[in-house]
């Protein structure tokens, strides 16, 4: 399966953003993959793109800390969650949310 996501290629303005299409990664043990329906974009995302937020990850990265979506696939060792469930998450700066699929 392929998915689309936004990446920050270098710290800077809007020109630092690039849309890429790539293979959707399978969730690892203890991870849940979510098909993202909506992801927030806010001041911390802009600050991370500029490289000035205290939790800015190294480039390249996918910006975004919050999302709402549908559980798509489970990694081994996950219980209490089923594919098809609605999910909302507030993720660390290292998780990809400005994508059509995210993992946590």
PDB file of N, CA and C in Angstrom:
ATOM      1  N   UNK A   1       0.848  -1.169   0.000  1.00  0.00           N
ATOM      2  CA  UNK A   1       0.000   0.000   0.000  1.00  0.00           C
ATOM      3  C   UNK A   1       0.900   1.239   0.000  1.00  0.00           C
ATOM      4  N   UNK A   2       0.488   2.250  -0.750  1.00  0.00           N
ATOM      5  CA  UNK A   2       1.238   3.508  -0.786  1.00  0.00           C
ATOM      6  C   UNK A   2       0.476   4.563   0.008  1.00  0.00           C
ATOM      7  N   UNK A   3       1.219   5.563   0.505  1.00  0.00           N
ATOM      8  CA  UNK A   3       0.582   6.678   1.202  1.00  0.00           C
ATOM      9  C   UNK A   3       1.299   7.967   0.838  1.00  0.00           C
ATOM     10  N   UNK A   4       0.656   9.072   1.152  1.00  0.00           N
ATOM     11  CA  UNK A   4       1.180  10.397   0.873  1.00  0.00           C
ATOM     12  C   UNK A   4       1.440  11.094   2.193  1.00  0.00           C
ATOM     13  N   UNK A   5       2.563  11.805   2.277  1.00  0.00           N
ATOM     14  CA  UNK A   5       2.846  12.581   3.482  1.00  0.00           C
ATOM     15  C   UNK A   5       3.630  13.828   3.121  1.00  0.00           C
ATOM     16  N   UNK A   6       3.658  14.763   4.043  1.00  0.00           N
ATOM     17  CA  UNK A   6       4.418  16.001   3.910  1.00  0.00           C
ATOM     18  C   UNK A   6       5.691  15.833   4.719  1.00  0.00           C
ATOM     19  N   UNK A   7       6.822  16.238   4.148  1.00  0.00           N
ATOM     20  CA  UNK A   7       8.076  16.226   4.904  1.00  0.00           C
ATOM     21  C   UNK A   7       8.701  17.612   4.881  1.00  0.00           C
ATOM     22  N   UNK A   8       9.421  17.914   5.941  1.00  0.00           N
ATOM     23  CA  UNK A   8      10.251  19.114   6.007  1.00  0.00           C
ATOM     24  C   UNK A   8      11.639  18.681   5.555  1.00  0.00           C
ATOM     25  N   UNK A   9      12.108  19.246   4.449  1.00  0.00           N
ATOM     26  CA  UNK A   9      13.386  18.839   3.865  1.00  0.00           C
ATOM     27  C   UNK A   9      14.567  19.599   4.444  1.00  0.00           C
ATOM     28  N   UNK A  10      14.309  20.816   4.926  1.00  0.00           N
ATOM     29  CA  UNK A  10      15.325  21.666   5.552  1.00  0.00           C
ATOM     30  C   UNK A  10      14.582  22.690   6.408  1.00  0.00           C
ATOM     31  N   UNK A  11      15.235  23.272   7.380  1.00  0.00           N
ATOM     32  CA  UNK A  11      14.580  24.275   8.212  1.00  0.00           C
ATOM     33  C   UNK A  11      14.403  25.551   7.397  1.00  0.00           C
ATOM     34  N   UNK A  12      13.207  26.141   7.491  1.00  0.00           N
ATOM     35  CA  UNK A  12      12.950  27.357   6.737  1.00  0.00           C
ATOM     36  C   UNK A  12      11.469  27.628   6.586  1.00  0.00           C
ATOM     37  N   UNK A  13      11.127  28.321   5.508  1.00  0.00           N
ATOM     38  CA  UNK A  13       9.760  28.721   5.223  1.00  0.00           C
ATOM     39  C   UNK A  13       8.979  27.620   4.533  1.00  0.00           C
ATOM     40  N   UNK A  14       7.855  28.003   3.911  1.00  0.00           N
ATOM     41  CA  UNK A  14       7.013  27.017   3.227  1.00  0.00           C
ATOM     42  C   UNK A  14       7.747  26.237   2.134  1.00  0.00           C
ATOM     43  N   UNK A  15       8.812  26.804   1.582  1.00  0.00           N
ATOM     44  CA  UNK A  15       9.587  26.099   0.552  1.00  0.00           C
ATOM     45  C   UNK A  15      10.284  24.859   1.105  1.00  0.00           C
ATOM     46  N   UNK A  16      10.323  24.709   2.435  1.00  0.00           N
ATOM     47  CA  UNK A  16      10.946  23.544   3.066  1.00  0.00           C
ATOM     48  C   UNK A  16      10.039  22.322   3.033  1.00  0.00           C
ATOM     49  N   UNK A  17       8.766  22.504   2.655  1.00  0.00           N
ATOM     50  CA  UNK A  17       7.796  21.412   2.655  1.00  0.00           C
ATOM     51  C   UNK A  17       7.771  20.719   1.297  1.00  0.00           C
ATOM     52  N   UNK A  18       7.662  19.396   1.345  1.00  0.00           N
ATOM     53  CA  UNK A  18       7.558  18.614   0.123  1.00  0.00           C
ATOM     54  C   UNK A  18       6.556  17.493   0.360  1.00  0.00           C
ATOM     55  N   UNK A  19       5.717  17.230  -0.624  1.00  0.00           N
ATOM     56  CA  UNK A  19       4.755  16.123  -0.565  1.00  0.00           C
ATOM     57  C   UNK A  19       5.400  14.925  -1.242  1.00  0.00           C
ATOM     58  N   UNK A  20       5.403  13.793  -0.541  1.00  0.00           N
ATOM     59  CA  UNK A  20       6.001  12.572  -1.101  1.00  0.00           C
ATOM     60  C   UNK A  20       4.986  11.438  -1.044  1.00  0.00           C
ATOM     61  N   UNK A  21       5.078  10.554  -2.015  1.00  0.00           N
ATOM     62  CA  UNK A  21       4.290   9.326  -2.011  1.00  0.00           C
ATOM     63  C   UNK A  21       5.268   8.180  -1.864  1.00  0.00           C
ATOM     64  N   UNK A  22       4.974   7.261  -0.958  1.00  0.00           N
ATOM     65  CA  UNK A  22       5.892   6.163  -0.678  1.00  0.00           C
ATOM     66  C   UNK A  22       5.121   4.968  -0.146  1.00  0.00           C
ATOM     67  N   UNK A  23       5.828   3.860   0.022  1.00  0.00           N
ATOM     68  CA  UNK A  23       5.216   2.671   0.610  1.00  0.00           C
ATOM     69  C   UNK A  23       4.822   2.968   2.057  1.00  0.00           C
ATOM     70  N   UNK A  24       3.649   2.522   2.438  1.00  0.00           N
ATOM     71  CA  UNK A  24       3.167   2.706   3.802  1.00  0.00           C
ATOM     72  C   UNK A  24       3.826   1.646   4.684  1.00  0.00           C
ATOM     73  N   UNK A  25       4.538   2.066   5.740  1.00  0.00           N
ATOM     74  CA  UNK A  25       5.219   1.072   6.567  1.00  0.00           C
ATOM     75  C   UNK A  25       4.236   0.220   7.362  1.00  0.00           C
ATOM     76  N   UNK A  26       4.603  -1.033   7.550  1.00  0.00           N
ATOM     77  CA  UNK A  26       3.824  -1.930   8.402  1.00  0.00           C
ATOM     78  C   UNK A  26       4.142  -1.600   9.864  1.00  0.00           C
ATOM     79  N   UNK A  27       3.150  -1.666  10.755  1.00  0.00           N
ATOM     80  CA  UNK A  27       3.431  -1.399  12.164  1.00  0.00           C
ATOM     81  C   UNK A  27       4.340  -2.469  12.759  1.00  0.00           C
ATOM     82  N   UNK A  28       5.246  -2.031  13.615  1.00  0.00           N
ATOM     83  CA  UNK A  28       6.149  -2.943  14.324  1.00  0.00           C
ATOM     84  C   UNK A  28       5.456  -3.465  15.576  1.00  0.00           C
ATOM     85  N   UNK A  29       6.122  -4.336  16.296  1.00  0.00           N
ATOM     86  CA  UNK A  29       5.579  -4.850  17.554  1.00  0.00           C
ATOM     87  C   UNK A  29       5.228  -3.676  18.467  1.00  0.00           C
ATOM     88  N   UNK A  30       4.022  -3.707  19.019  1.00  0.00           N
ATOM     89  CA  UNK A  30       3.595  -2.672  19.949  1.00  0.00           C
ATOM     90  C   UNK A  30       3.125  -1.387  19.294  1.00  0.00           C
ATOM     91  N   UNK A  31       3.041  -1.349  17.961  1.00  0.00           N
ATOM     92  CA  UNK A  31       2.597  -0.151  17.254  1.00  0.00           C
ATOM     93  C   UNK A  31       1.217  -0.355  16.640  1.00  0.00           C
ATOM     94  N   UNK A  32       0.537   0.757  16.417  1.00  0.00           N
ATOM     95  CA  UNK A  32      -0.765   0.783  15.758  1.00  0.00           C
ATOM     96  C   UNK A  32      -0.650   1.722  14.571  1.00  0.00           C
ATOM     97  N   UNK A  33      -1.114   1.286  13.398  1.00  0.00           N
ATOM     98  CA  UNK A  33      -1.130   2.177  12.237  1.00  0.00           C
ATOM     99  C   UNK A  33      -2.531   2.762  12.112  1.00  0.00           C
ATOM    100  N   UNK A  34      -2.586   4.071  11.884  1.00  0.00           N
ATOM    101  CA  UNK A  34      -3.849   4.799  11.794  1.00  0.00           C
ATOM    102  C   UNK A  34      -3.939   5.482  10.437  1.00  0.00           C
ATOM    103  N   UNK A  35      -5.076   5.318   9.754  1.00  0.00           N
ATOM    104  CA  UNK A  35      -5.343   6.079   8.533  1.00  0.00           C
ATOM    105  C   UNK A  35      -5.822   7.448   8.977  1.00  0.00           C
ATOM    106  N   UNK A  36      -5.031   8.459   8.713  1.00  0.00           N
ATOM    107  CA  UNK A  36      -5.285   9.804   9.219  1.00  0.00           C
ATOM    108  C   UNK A  36      -6.413  10.451   8.416  1.00  0.00           C
ATOM    109  N   UNK A  37      -7.428  10.930   9.139  1.00  0.00           N
ATOM    110  CA  UNK A  37      -8.530  11.660   8.529  1.00  0.00           C
ATOM    111  C   UNK A  37      -8.325  13.159   8.650  1.00  0.00           C
ATOM    112  N   UNK A  38      -7.723  13.605   9.745  1.00  0.00           N
ATOM    113  CA  UNK A  38      -7.452  15.025   9.967  1.00  0.00           C
ATOM    114  C   UNK A  38      -6.234  15.150  10.873  1.00  0.00           C
ATOM    115  N   UNK A  39      -5.370  16.089  10.535  1.00  0.00           N
ATOM    116  CA  UNK A  39      -4.191  16.378  11.355  1.00  0.00           C
ATOM    117  C   UNK A  39      -4.129  17.879  11.588  1.00  0.00           C
ATOM    118  N   UNK A  40      -3.774  18.263  12.800  1.00  0.00           N
ATOM    119  CA  UNK A  40      -3.695  19.677  13.126  1.00  0.00           C
ATOM    120  C   UNK A  40      -2.427  20.312  12.582  1.00  0.00           C
ATOM    121  N   UNK A  41      -2.549  21.580  12.249  1.00  0.00           N
ATOM    122  CA  UNK A  41      -1.403  22.394  11.870  1.00  0.00           C
ATOM    123  C   UNK A  41      -1.503  23.651  12.714  1.00  0.00           C
ATOM    124  N   UNK A  42      -0.453  23.913  13.497  1.00  0.00           N
ATOM    125  CA  UNK A  42      -0.508  25.038  14.421  1.00  0.00           C
ATOM    126  C   UNK A  42       0.876  25.668  14.565  1.00  0.00           C
ATOM    127  N   UNK A  43       0.967  26.653  15.443  1.00  0.00           N
ATOM    128  CA  UNK A  43       2.217  27.378  15.642  1.00  0.00           C
ATOM    129  C   UNK A  43       3.401  26.458  15.940  1.00  0.00           C
ATOM    130  N   UNK A  44       3.278  25.436  16.798  1.00  0.00           N
ATOM    131  CA  UNK A  44       4.428  24.550  17.021  1.00  0.00           C
ATOM    132  C   UNK A  44       4.926  23.868  15.739  1.00  0.00           C
ATOM    133  N   UNK A  45       4.015  23.550  14.812  1.00  0.00           N
ATOM    134  CA  UNK A  45       4.430  22.950  13.543  1.00  0.00           C
ATOM    135  C   UNK A  45       5.244  23.937  12.714  1.00  0.00           C
ATOM    136  N   UNK A  46       4.812  25.188  12.698  1.00  0.00           N
ATOM    137  CA  UNK A  46       5.560  26.223  11.971  1.00  0.00           C
ATOM    138  C   UNK A  46       6.921  26.426  12.612  1.00  0.00           C
ATOM    139  N   UNK A  47       6.955  26.464  13.943  1.00  0.00           N
ATOM    140  CA  UNK A  47       8.232  26.639  14.644  1.00  0.00           C
ATOM    141  C   UNK A  47       9.173  25.465  14.383  1.00  0.00           C
ATOM    142  N   UNK A  48       8.628  24.236  14.326  1.00  0.00           N
ATOM    143  CA  UNK A  48       9.464  23.068  14.032  1.00  0.00           C
ATOM    144  C   UNK A  48      10.001  23.157  12.610  1.00  0.00           C
ATOM    145  N   UNK A  49       9.143  23.566  11.667  1.00  0.00           N
ATOM    146  CA  UNK A  49       9.591  23.720  10.278  1.00  0.00           C
ATOM    147  C   UNK A  49      10.741  24.727  10.192  1.00  0.00           C
ATOM    148  N   UNK A  50      10.664  25.783  11.020  1.00  0.00           N
ATOM    149  CA  UNK A  50      11.718  26.802  11.045  1.00  0.00           C
ATOM    150  C   UNK A  50      12.933  26.368  11.857  1.00  0.00           C
ATOM    151  N   UNK A  51      12.809  25.276  12.622  1.00  0.00           N
ATOM    152  CA  UNK A  51      13.923  24.778  13.423  1.00  0.00           C
ATOM    153  C   UNK A  51      14.097  25.455  14.757  1.00  0.00           C
ATOM    154  N   UNK A  52      13.058  26.166  15.239  1.00  0.00           N
ATOM    155  CA  UNK A  52      13.195  26.925  16.488  1.00  0.00           C
ATOM    156  C   UNK A  52      12.375  26.350  17.646  1.00  0.00           C
ATOM    157  N   UNK A  53      11.549  25.345  17.409  1.00  0.00           N
ATOM    158  CA  UNK A  53      10.774  24.751  18.503  1.00  0.00           C
ATOM    159  C   UNK A  53      11.709  23.879  19.331  1.00  0.00           C
ATOM    160  N   UNK A  54      11.556  23.877  20.683  1.00  0.00           N
ATOM    161  CA  UNK A  54      12.455  23.079  21.527  1.00  0.00           C
ATOM    162  C   UNK A  54      12.426  21.576  21.238  1.00  0.00           C
ATOM    163  N   UNK A  55      11.354  21.052  20.657  1.00  0.00           N
ATOM    164  CA  UNK A  55      11.269  19.628  20.344  1.00  0.00           C
ATOM    165  C   UNK A  55      11.394  19.356  18.846  1.00  0.00           C
ATOM    166  N   UNK A  56      12.057  20.245  18.125  1.00  0.00           N
ATOM    167  CA  UNK A  56      12.213  20.066  16.686  1.00  0.00           C
ATOM    168  C   UNK A  56      13.077  18.843  16.398  1.00  0.00           C
ATOM    169  N   UNK A  57      12.561  17.898  15.609  1.00  0.00           N
ATOM    170  CA  UNK A  57      13.377  16.737  15.235  1.00  0.00           C
ATOM    171  C   UNK A  57      14.355  17.106  14.123  1.00  0.00           C
ATOM    172  N   UNK A  58      15.352  16.273  13.900  1.00  0.00           N
ATOM    173  CA  UNK A  58      16.263  16.527  12.780  1.00  0.00           C
ATOM    174  C   UNK A  58      15.539  16.330  11.448  1.00  0.00           C
ATOM    175  N   UNK A  59      15.959  17.075  10.441  1.00  0.00           N
ATOM    176  CA  UNK A  59      15.376  16.906   9.104  1.00  0.00           C
ATOM    177  C   UNK A  59      15.977  15.684   8.437  1.00  0.00           C
ATOM    178  N   UNK A  60      15.247  15.018   7.552  1.00  0.00           N
ATOM    179  CA  UNK A  60      13.855  15.287   7.200  1.00  0.00           C
ATOM    180  C   UNK A  60      12.898  14.709   8.238  1.00  0.00           C
ATOM    181  N   UNK A  61      11.752  15.364   8.413  1.00  0.00           N
ATOM    182  CA  UNK A  61      10.727  14.864   9.320  1.00  0.00           C
ATOM    183  C   UNK A  61       9.354  15.252   8.803  1.00  0.00           C
ATOM    184  N   UNK A  62       8.327  14.573   9.310  1.00  0.00           N
ATOM    185  CA  UNK A  62       6.933  14.897   8.999  1.00  0.00           C
ATOM    186  C   UNK A  62       6.371  15.673  10.172  1.00  0.00           C
ATOM    187  N   UNK A  63       5.928  16.911   9.938  1.00  0.00           N
ATOM    188  CA  UNK A  63       5.415  17.721  11.048  1.00  0.00           C
ATOM    189  C   UNK A  63       4.045  17.228  11.510  1.00  0.00           C
ATOM    190  N   UNK A  64       3.680  17.622  12.705  1.00  0.00           N
ATOM    191  CA  UNK A  64       2.360  17.319  13.234  1.00  0.00           C
ATOM    192  C   UNK A  64       2.411  16.590  14.556  1.00  0.00           C
ATOM    193  N   UNK A  65       1.579  17.033  15.490  1.00  0.00           N
ATOM    194  CA  UNK A  65       1.525  16.409  16.805  1.00  0.00           C
ATOM    195  C   UNK A  65       0.170  15.788  17.102  1.00  0.00           C
ATOM    196  N   UNK A  66      -0.875  16.209  16.395  1.00  0.00           N
ATOM    197  CA  UNK A  66      -2.205  15.703  16.736  1.00  0.00           C
ATOM    198  C   UNK A  66      -2.930  15.212  15.492  1.00  0.00           C
ATOM    199  N   UNK A  67      -3.761  14.173  15.704  1.00  0.00           N
ATOM    200  CA  UNK A  67      -4.478  13.593  14.581  1.00  0.00           C
ATOM    201  C   UNK A  67      -5.757  12.918  15.049  1.00  0.00           C
ATOM    202  N   UNK A  68      -6.651  12.717  14.088  1.00  0.00           N
ATOM    203  CA  UNK A  68      -7.836  11.878  14.253  1.00  0.00           C
ATOM    204  C   UNK A  68      -7.864  10.962  13.044  1.00  0.00           C
ATOM    205  N   UNK A  69      -8.156   9.689  13.272  1.00  0.00           N
ATOM    206  CA  UNK A  69      -8.187   8.753  12.164  1.00  0.00           C
ATOM    207  C   UNK A  69      -8.852   7.446  12.539  1.00  0.00           C
ATOM    208  N   UNK A  70      -8.621   6.454  11.705  1.00  0.00           N
ATOM    209  CA  UNK A  70      -9.209   5.125  11.877  1.00  0.00           C
ATOM    210  C   UNK A  70      -8.070   4.112  11.980  1.00  0.00           C
ATOM    211  N   UNK A  71      -8.130   3.253  12.979  1.00  0.00           N
ATOM    212  CA  UNK A  71      -7.121   2.208  13.134  1.00  0.00           C
ATOM    213  C   UNK A  71      -7.153   1.329  11.890  1.00  0.00           C
ATOM    214  N   UNK A  72      -6.001   1.201  11.274  1.00  0.00           N
ATOM    215  CA  UNK A  72      -5.872   0.496  10.002  1.00  0.00           C
ATOM    216  C   UNK A  72      -5.259  -0.887  10.188  1.00  0.00           C
ATOM    217  N   UNK A  73      -4.237  -0.983  11.010  1.00  0.00           N
ATOM    218  CA  UNK A  73      -3.533  -2.250  11.198  1.00  0.00           C
ATOM    219  C   UNK A  73      -2.848  -2.240  12.562  1.00  0.00           C
ATOM    220  N   UNK A  74      -2.717  -3.438  13.151  1.00  0.00           N
ATOM    221  CA  UNK A  74      -2.088  -3.590  14.464  1.00  0.00           C
ATOM    222  C   UNK A  74      -0.780  -4.358  14.333  1.00  0.00           C
ATOM    223  N   UNK A  75       0.235  -3.910  15.065  1.00  0.00           N
ATOM    224  CA  UNK A  75       1.447  -4.695  15.205  1.00  0.00           C
ATOM    225  C   UNK A  75       1.225  -5.780  16.244  1.00  0.00           C
ATOM    226  N   UNK A  76       2.158  -6.711  16.338  1.00  0.00           N
ATOM    227  CA  UNK A  76       2.052  -7.772  17.338  1.00  0.00           C
ATOM    228  C   UNK A  76       2.060  -7.174  18.742  1.00  0.00           C
ATOM    229  N   UNK A  77       1.346  -7.831  19.645  1.00  0.00           N
ATOM    230  CA  UNK A  77       1.361  -7.437  21.048  1.00  0.00           C
ATOM    231  C   UNK A  77       0.361  -6.351  21.407  1.00  0.00           C
ATOM    232  N   UNK A  78      -0.507  -5.967  20.491  1.00  0.00           N
ATOM    233  CA  UNK A  78      -1.513  -4.940  20.773  1.00  0.00           C
ATOM    234  C   UNK A  78      -2.818  -5.628  21.166  1.00  0.00           C
ATOM    235  N   UNK A  79      -3.427  -5.164  22.260  1.00  0.00           N
ATOM    236  CA  UNK A  79      -4.739  -5.672  22.664  1.00  0.00           C
ATOM    237  C   UNK A  79      -5.601  -4.491  23.081  1.00  0.00           C
ATOM    238  N   UNK A  80      -6.912  -4.684  23.005  1.00  0.00           N
ATOM    239  CA  UNK A  80      -7.842  -3.638  23.413  1.00  0.00           C
ATOM    240  C   UNK A  80      -8.133  -2.620  22.324  1.00  0.00           C
ATOM    241  N   UNK A  81      -7.535  -2.784  21.165  1.00  0.00           N
ATOM    242  CA  UNK A  81      -7.767  -1.909  20.015  1.00  0.00           C
ATOM    243  C   UNK A  81      -8.043  -2.806  18.821  1.00  0.00           C
ATOM    244  N   UNK A  82      -8.986  -2.412  17.993  1.00  0.00           N
ATOM    245  CA  UNK A  82      -9.345  -3.210  16.821  1.00  0.00           C
ATOM    246  C   UNK A  82      -9.300  -2.360  15.561  1.00  0.00           C
ATOM    247  N   UNK A  83      -8.939  -2.946  14.424  1.00  0.00           N
ATOM    248  CA  UNK A  83      -9.037  -2.208  13.155  1.00  0.00           C
ATOM    249  C   UNK A  83     -10.454  -1.679  12.962  1.00  0.00           C
ATOM    250  N   UNK A  84     -10.553  -0.465  12.448  1.00  0.00           N
ATOM    251  CA  UNK A  84     -11.847   0.181  12.233  1.00  0.00           C
ATOM    252  C   UNK A  84     -12.241   1.138  13.343  1.00  0.00           C
ATOM    253  N   UNK A  85     -11.571   1.058  14.503  1.00  0.00           N
ATOM    254  CA  UNK A  85     -11.885   1.975  15.592  1.00  0.00           C
ATOM    255  C   UNK A  85     -11.391   3.381  15.250  1.00  0.00           C
ATOM    256  N   UNK A  86     -12.163   4.383  15.687  1.00  0.00           N
ATOM    257  CA  UNK A  86     -11.749   5.782  15.558  1.00  0.00           C
ATOM    258  C   UNK A  86     -10.679   6.042  16.611  1.00  0.00           C
ATOM    259  N   UNK A  87      -9.650   6.777  16.224  1.00  0.00           N
ATOM    260  CA  UNK A  87      -8.557   7.075  17.142  1.00  0.00           C
ATOM    261  C   UNK A  87      -8.226   8.561  17.090  1.00  0.00           C
ATOM    262  N   UNK A  88      -7.900   9.111  18.233  1.00  0.00           N
ATOM    263  CA  UNK A  88      -7.383  10.478  18.341  1.00  0.00           C
ATOM    264  C   UNK A  88      -6.086  10.375  19.112  1.00  0.00           C
ATOM    265  N   UNK A  89      -5.089  11.156  18.717  1.00  0.00           N
ATOM    266  CA  UNK A  89      -3.794  11.032  19.370  1.00  0.00           C
ATOM    267  C   UNK A  89      -3.088  12.371  19.434  1.00  0.00           C
ATOM    268  N   UNK A  90      -2.321  12.550  20.488  1.00  0.00           N
ATOM    269  CA  UNK A  90      -1.390  13.657  20.633  1.00  0.00           C
ATOM    270  C   UNK A  90      -0.023  13.000  20.727  1.00  0.00           C
ATOM    271  N   UNK A  91       0.762  13.144  19.682  1.00  0.00           N
ATOM    272  CA  UNK A  91       2.002  12.388  19.523  1.00  0.00           C
ATOM    273  C   UNK A  91       3.232  13.208  19.890  1.00  0.00           C
ATOM    274  N   UNK A  92       4.364  12.523  20.001  1.00  0.00           N
ATOM    275  CA  UNK A  92       5.634  13.215  20.194  1.00  0.00           C
ATOM    276  C   UNK A  92       6.049  13.850  18.886  1.00  0.00           C
ATOM    277  N   UNK A  93       7.035  14.719  18.935  1.00  0.00           N
ATOM    278  CA  UNK A  93       7.522  15.407  17.740  1.00  0.00           C
ATOM    279  C   UNK A  93       8.112  14.437  16.738  1.00  0.00           C
ATOM    280  N   UNK A  94       8.450  13.226  17.133  1.00  0.00           N
ATOM    281  CA  UNK A  94       9.090  12.284  16.233  1.00  0.00           C
ATOM    282  C   UNK A  94       8.106  11.408  15.471  1.00  0.00           C
ATOM    283  N   UNK A  95       6.811  11.526  15.774  1.00  0.00           N
ATOM    284  CA  UNK A  95       5.815  10.701  15.086  1.00  0.00           C
ATOM    285  C   UNK A  95       5.273  11.437  13.868  1.00  0.00           C
ATOM    286  N   UNK A  96       4.969  10.714  12.844  1.00  0.00           N
ATOM    287  CA  UNK A  96       4.474  11.310  11.603  1.00  0.00           C
ATOM    288  C   UNK A  96       2.970  11.425  11.632  1.00  0.00           C
ATOM    289  N   UNK A  97       2.443  12.661  11.524  1.00  0.00           N
ATOM    290  CA  UNK A  97       0.996  12.811  11.489  1.00  0.00           C
ATOM    291  C   UNK A  97       0.506  13.527  10.246  1.00  0.00           C
ATOM    292  N   UNK A  98       1.307  14.337   9.602  1.00  0.00           N
ATOM    293  CA  UNK A  98       0.850  15.028   8.402  1.00  0.00           C
ATOM    294  C   UNK A  98       1.040  14.094   7.217  1.00  0.00           C
ATOM    295  N   UNK A  99       0.330  13.001   7.297  1.00  0.00           N
ATOM    296  CA  UNK A  99       0.391  11.937   6.309  1.00  0.00           C
ATOM    297  C   UNK A  99      -0.978  11.306   6.256  1.00  0.00           C
ATOM    298  N   UNK A 100      -1.222  10.495   5.247  1.00  0.00           N
ATOM    299  CA  UNK A 100      -2.519   9.835   5.236  1.00  0.00           C
ATOM    300  C   UNK A 100      -2.513   8.569   6.073  1.00  0.00           C
ATOM    301  N   UNK A 101      -1.333   8.129   6.543  1.00  0.00           N
ATOM    302  CA  UNK A 101      -1.213   7.057   7.523  1.00  0.00           C
ATOM    303  C   UNK A 101      -0.140   7.482   8.528  1.00  0.00           C
ATOM    304  N   UNK A 102      -0.356   7.199   9.798  1.00  0.00           N
ATOM    305  CA  UNK A 102       0.627   7.491  10.820  1.00  0.00           C
ATOM    306  C   UNK A 102       0.802   6.304  11.725  1.00  0.00           C
ATOM    307  N   UNK A 103       1.918   6.259  12.429  1.00  0.00           N
ATOM    308  CA  UNK A 103       2.164   5.162  13.364  1.00  0.00           C
ATOM    309  C   UNK A 103       2.464   5.730  14.739  1.00  0.00           C
ATOM    310  N   UNK A 104       2.069   5.009  15.743  1.00  0.00           N
ATOM    311  CA  UNK A 104       2.400   5.383  17.098  1.00  0.00           C
ATOM    312  C   UNK A 104       2.506   4.123  17.938  1.00  0.00           C
TER     313      UNK A 104
END
